[in-house]
Amino acid sequence: MSDSPKPEAGVEAGVEAGVEAGVEAGRWREKMARRKAVQDAEVAGKTIEKGLLLVHTGPGKGKTTAAMGLALRMLGRGRAVAIVQFIKGAWSTGERGALARFDDLLAWHSMGEGFTWETQDRARDIAACARAWDEARAQMARPEVSLVVLDELCIALRYEYLDVAEVVGTLTARRPGLHVVVTGRNAPAALLEAADLVTEMQAVKHPFKAGVKAQEGIEF
């Protein structure tokens, strides 16, 4: 006599599995419905709309890249953006080439003369940063600009090329609807305190330490 299960047993097992799957799916829907209700209530409670001061700092890569992503997002909304670079020189970068296609909405000013170890001239670096800060204030004063990116401003503050109190005071007193993104390592405490959002990039692993050079489309 065969010990093979009867066809009815297989059908019953299938029905039970289907019922169990349906119950589990129902529980998942209920769980997500409760979560959605909590999220919707939290979102509904946020009613303030204002210009934000954002800081991208830390030893890891991606600070400027993240700021350029915000610039792209703002340009995609048809709003004007200004970018002022404090330390980096006017060398060719992929993001500048891409964002230049929005030339009717974008103002880009690379005011630096290279990294401090390249110039080896503190007075020259201070003068370059002073010019960049003047340009930054001019761009922040333009009423049509929605976002100003101050790239590597933290480096200028770290080396005391600019006065931290004066810079933070100006950023804090900016017009209400203006968003400003500041990038660079070692953001000073006063800037972190004044910021609405602070993101710290951590260095977990970097190809440079394995002998890989800076590559087009990744680093620049």
Protein backbone atom coordinates (compact mmCIF):
# COMPACT_ATOMS: atom_id res chain seq x y z
CA MET A 1 0.00 0.00 0.00
CA SER A 2 1.31 3.45 -0.90
CA ASP A 3 2.20 5.91 1.91
CA SER A 4 1.78 8.89 -0.41
CA PRO A 5 -0.40 11.67 1.08
CA LYS A 6 -3.91 11.93 -0.23
CA PRO A 7 -4.63 14.79 -2.67
CA GLU A 8 -7.02 16.23 -0.11
CA ALA A 9 -4.14 16.66 2.37
CA GLY A 10 -2.19 18.76 -0.11
CA VAL A 11 -5.21 20.92 -0.79
CA GLU A 12 -5.80 21.46 2.92
CA ALA A 13 -2.15 22.41 3.47
CA GLY A 14 -2.37 24.90 0.64
CA VAL A 15 -5.54 26.42 2.05
CA GLU A 16 -3.96 26.74 5.50
CA ALA A 17 -0.86 28.39 4.02
CA GLY A 18 -3.05 30.80 2.10
CA VAL A 19 -5.06 31.67 5.19
CA GLU A 20 -1.88 32.20 7.20
CA ALA A 21 -0.41 34.42 4.46
CA GLY A 22 -3.63 36.41 4.37
CA VAL A 23 -3.60 36.90 8.14
CA GLU A 24 0.05 38.00 8.03
CA ALA A 25 -0.71 40.42 5.19
CA GLY A 26 -3.58 41.84 7.21
CA ARG A 27 -1.35 42.34 10.24
CA TRP A 28 1.22 44.11 8.04
CA ARG A 29 -1.44 46.45 6.62
CA GLU A 30 -2.66 47.26 10.12
CA LYS A 31 0.89 47.94 11.28
CA MET A 32 1.61 50.22 8.33
CA ALA A 33 -1.74 51.98 8.79
CA ARG A 34 -0.83 52.75 12.41
CA ARG A 35 2.60 53.95 11.36
CA LYS A 36 1.10 56.13 8.61
CA ALA A 37 -1.27 57.71 11.11
CA VAL A 38 1.65 58.58 13.40
CA GLN A 39 3.70 59.96 10.51
CA ASP A 40 0.79 61.97 9.12
CA ALA A 41 0.13 63.49 12.55
CA GLU A 42 3.80 64.39 12.98
CA VAL A 43 4.00 65.99 9.51
CA ALA A 44 0.77 67.91 10.10
CA GLY A 45 2.25 69.35 13.29
CA LYS A 46 5.15 70.94 11.39
CA THR A 47 3.87 74.33 10.24
CA ILE A 48 6.97 76.56 10.22
CA GLU A 49 8.42 77.53 6.85
CA LYS A 50 11.75 79.39 6.86
CA GLY A 51 15.12 79.65 5.20
CA LEU A 52 17.48 77.06 6.65
CA LEU A 53 21.15 77.22 7.55
CA LEU A 54 22.66 73.82 6.74
CA VAL A 55 26.18 72.68 7.57
CA HIS A 56 27.98 69.74 5.93
CA THR A 57 31.11 68.96 7.90
CA GLY A 58 33.27 66.04 9.07
CA PRO A 59 36.34 64.20 7.73
CA GLY A 60 34.50 62.07 5.17
CA LYS A 61 33.89 62.66 1.48
CA GLY A 62 30.63 64.04 0.13
CA LYS A 63 30.21 67.43 1.79
CA THR A 64 30.40 69.49 -1.40
CA THR A 65 28.69 66.76 -3.41
CA ALA A 66 25.68 66.86 -1.09
CA ALA A 67 25.53 70.64 -1.35
CA MET A 68 25.59 70.41 -5.16
CA GLY A 69 22.72 67.96 -4.97
CA LEU A 70 20.69 70.54 -3.07
CA ALA A 71 21.63 73.14 -5.68
CA LEU A 72 20.40 70.82 -8.43
CA ARG A 73 17.16 70.21 -6.56
CA MET A 74 16.57 73.95 -6.16
CA LEU A 75 17.37 74.61 -9.82
CA GLY A 76 14.98 71.85 -10.77
CA ARG A 77 12.28 73.84 -8.99
CA GLY A 78 13.10 76.85 -11.16
CA ARG A 79 14.70 78.83 -8.33
CA ALA A 80 17.93 80.79 -8.47
CA VAL A 81 21.09 79.47 -6.81
CA ALA A 82 24.44 81.08 -6.03
CA ILE A 83 27.62 79.10 -5.32
CA VAL A 84 30.70 80.72 -3.79
CA GLN A 85 33.82 78.58 -3.35
CA PHE A 86 36.27 79.84 -0.75
CA ILE A 87 39.35 77.66 -1.07
CA LYS A 88 38.98 75.70 -4.27
CA GLY A 89 40.33 77.36 -7.38
CA ALA A 90 38.67 77.72 -10.74
CA TRP A 91 39.65 74.29 -12.06
CA SER A 92 37.20 72.32 -14.17
CA THR A 93 34.76 70.11 -12.27
CA GLY A 94 31.93 67.91 -13.47
CA GLU A 95 29.34 69.55 -11.24
CA ARG A 96 30.21 73.00 -12.52
CA GLY A 97 29.86 71.83 -16.11
CA ALA A 98 26.51 70.19 -15.36
CA LEU A 99 25.01 73.04 -13.35
CA ALA A 100 26.21 75.61 -15.91
CA ARG A 101 23.36 74.41 -18.12
CA PHE A 102 21.12 76.35 -15.76
CA ASP A 103 23.07 79.55 -16.45
CA ASP A 104 19.89 81.64 -16.34
CA LEU A 105 19.37 80.65 -12.69
CA LEU A 106 22.92 80.00 -11.48
CA ALA A 107 25.71 82.29 -10.28
CA TRP A 108 29.00 80.43 -9.68
CA HIS A 109 32.06 82.12 -8.18
CA SER A 110 35.26 80.16 -7.47
CA MET A 111 37.17 82.69 -5.41
CA GLY A 112 39.95 80.56 -3.89
CA GLU A 113 43.48 80.08 -5.14
CA GLY A 114 43.88 76.46 -4.12
CA PHE A 115 44.50 74.70 -0.83
CA THR A 116 46.58 76.41 1.82
CA TRP A 117 49.51 74.05 1.36
CA GLU A 118 49.61 75.01 -2.32
CA THR A 119 49.60 78.79 -1.96
CA GLN A 120 51.88 78.84 1.13
CA ASP A 121 51.01 82.52 1.53
CA ARG A 122 48.73 83.34 4.46
CA ALA A 123 48.22 87.00 3.52
CA ARG A 124 47.21 85.97 0.02
CA ASP A 125 44.81 83.35 1.38
CA ILE A 126 43.23 85.89 3.74
CA ALA A 127 42.75 88.36 0.90
CA ALA A 128 41.16 85.71 -1.32
CA CYS A 129 38.76 84.66 1.44
CA ALA A 130 37.84 88.30 2.12
CA ARG A 131 36.91 88.71 -1.54
CA ALA A 132 34.90 85.49 -1.44
CA TRP A 133 33.05 86.64 1.68
CA ASP A 134 32.22 89.97 0.02
CA GLU A 135 30.81 88.01 -2.94
CA ALA A 136 28.88 85.72 -0.61
CA ARG A 137 27.22 88.67 1.10
CA ALA A 138 26.38 90.18 -2.27
CA GLN A 139 24.74 86.94 -3.40
CA MET A 140 22.81 86.57 -0.14
CA ALA A 141 21.48 90.09 -0.65
CA ARG A 142 19.94 89.23 -4.04
CA PRO A 143 16.20 88.81 -3.41
CA GLU A 144 15.72 86.37 -6.29
CA VAL A 145 18.25 83.84 -4.94
CA SER A 146 16.71 80.96 -2.97
CA LEU A 147 19.87 79.02 -2.08
CA VAL A 148 23.48 80.07 -1.48
CA VAL A 149 26.20 77.42 -1.24
CA LEU A 150 29.31 78.56 0.66
CA ASP A 151 31.73 75.82 -0.26
CA GLU A 152 34.71 75.26 2.08
CA LEU A 153 33.79 78.26 4.21
CA CYS A 154 34.59 76.11 7.27
CA ILE A 155 38.23 75.88 6.14
CA ALA A 156 38.46 79.66 5.97
CA LEU A 157 37.03 79.88 9.48
CA ARG A 158 39.29 77.16 10.84
CA TYR A 159 42.43 79.00 9.70
CA GLU A 160 41.01 82.31 10.92
CA TYR A 161 41.03 83.85 7.48
CA LEU A 162 37.63 85.27 8.41
CA ASP A 163 36.14 86.29 11.75
CA VAL A 164 33.82 83.55 13.00
CA ALA A 165 31.56 85.90 14.97
CA GLU A 166 31.09 88.23 12.00
CA VAL A 167 30.35 85.36 9.60
CA VAL A 168 27.91 83.60 11.92
CA GLY A 169 26.23 86.89 12.76
CA THR A 170 25.70 87.66 9.09
CA LEU A 171 24.37 84.19 8.34
CA THR A 172 21.98 84.37 11.30
CA ALA A 173 20.71 87.80 10.23
CA ARG A 174 20.10 86.80 6.60
CA ARG A 175 16.65 87.41 5.08
CA PRO A 176 14.03 84.94 6.35
CA GLY A 177 13.42 82.93 3.18
CA LEU A 178 17.04 82.34 2.17
CA HIS A 179 18.58 78.86 2.46
CA VAL A 180 22.36 78.68 2.98
CA VAL A 181 24.58 75.60 2.87
CA VAL A 182 28.07 75.77 4.40
CA THR A 183 30.60 73.00 3.73
CA GLY A 184 34.02 72.02 5.01
CA ARG A 185 35.81 70.14 7.75
CA ASN A 186 36.04 71.32 11.34
CA ALA A 187 32.99 73.55 11.42
CA PRO A 188 33.34 75.91 14.43
CA ALA A 189 31.06 75.44 17.42
CA ALA A 190 29.35 78.80 16.89
CA LEU A 191 28.34 77.81 13.36
CA LEU A 192 27.04 74.42 14.51
CA GLU A 193 24.99 76.13 17.21
CA ALA A 194 23.45 78.58 14.73
CA ALA A 195 22.65 75.92 12.11
CA ASP A 196 19.23 74.38 11.59
CA LEU A 197 20.67 71.16 10.17
CA VAL A 198 24.14 69.67 10.67
CA THR A 199 25.36 66.62 8.79
CA GLU A 200 28.72 65.09 9.66
CA MET A 201 30.38 62.96 6.98
CA GLN A 202 32.42 60.14 8.50
CA ALA A 203 35.52 58.64 6.89
CA VAL A 204 35.07 54.86 7.03
CA LYS A 205 37.09 53.84 3.97
CA HIS A 206 38.78 55.79 1.18
CA PRO A 207 40.45 54.50 -2.03
CA PHE A 208 43.16 57.18 -1.78
CA LYS A 209 44.73 55.23 1.10
CA ALA A 210 44.97 52.22 -1.19
CA GLY A 211 46.88 54.21 -3.80
CA VAL A 212 43.93 55.13 -6.01
CA LYS A 213 44.25 58.61 -7.48
CA ALA A 214 41.47 61.19 -7.74
CA GLN A 215 39.35 60.25 -10.74
CA GLU A 216 37.29 62.32 -13.12
CA GLY A 217 33.58 62.07 -12.44
CA ILE A 218 34.13 60.92 -8.84
CA GLU A 219 36.37 63.50 -7.16
CA PHE A 220 35.97 66.30 -9.70
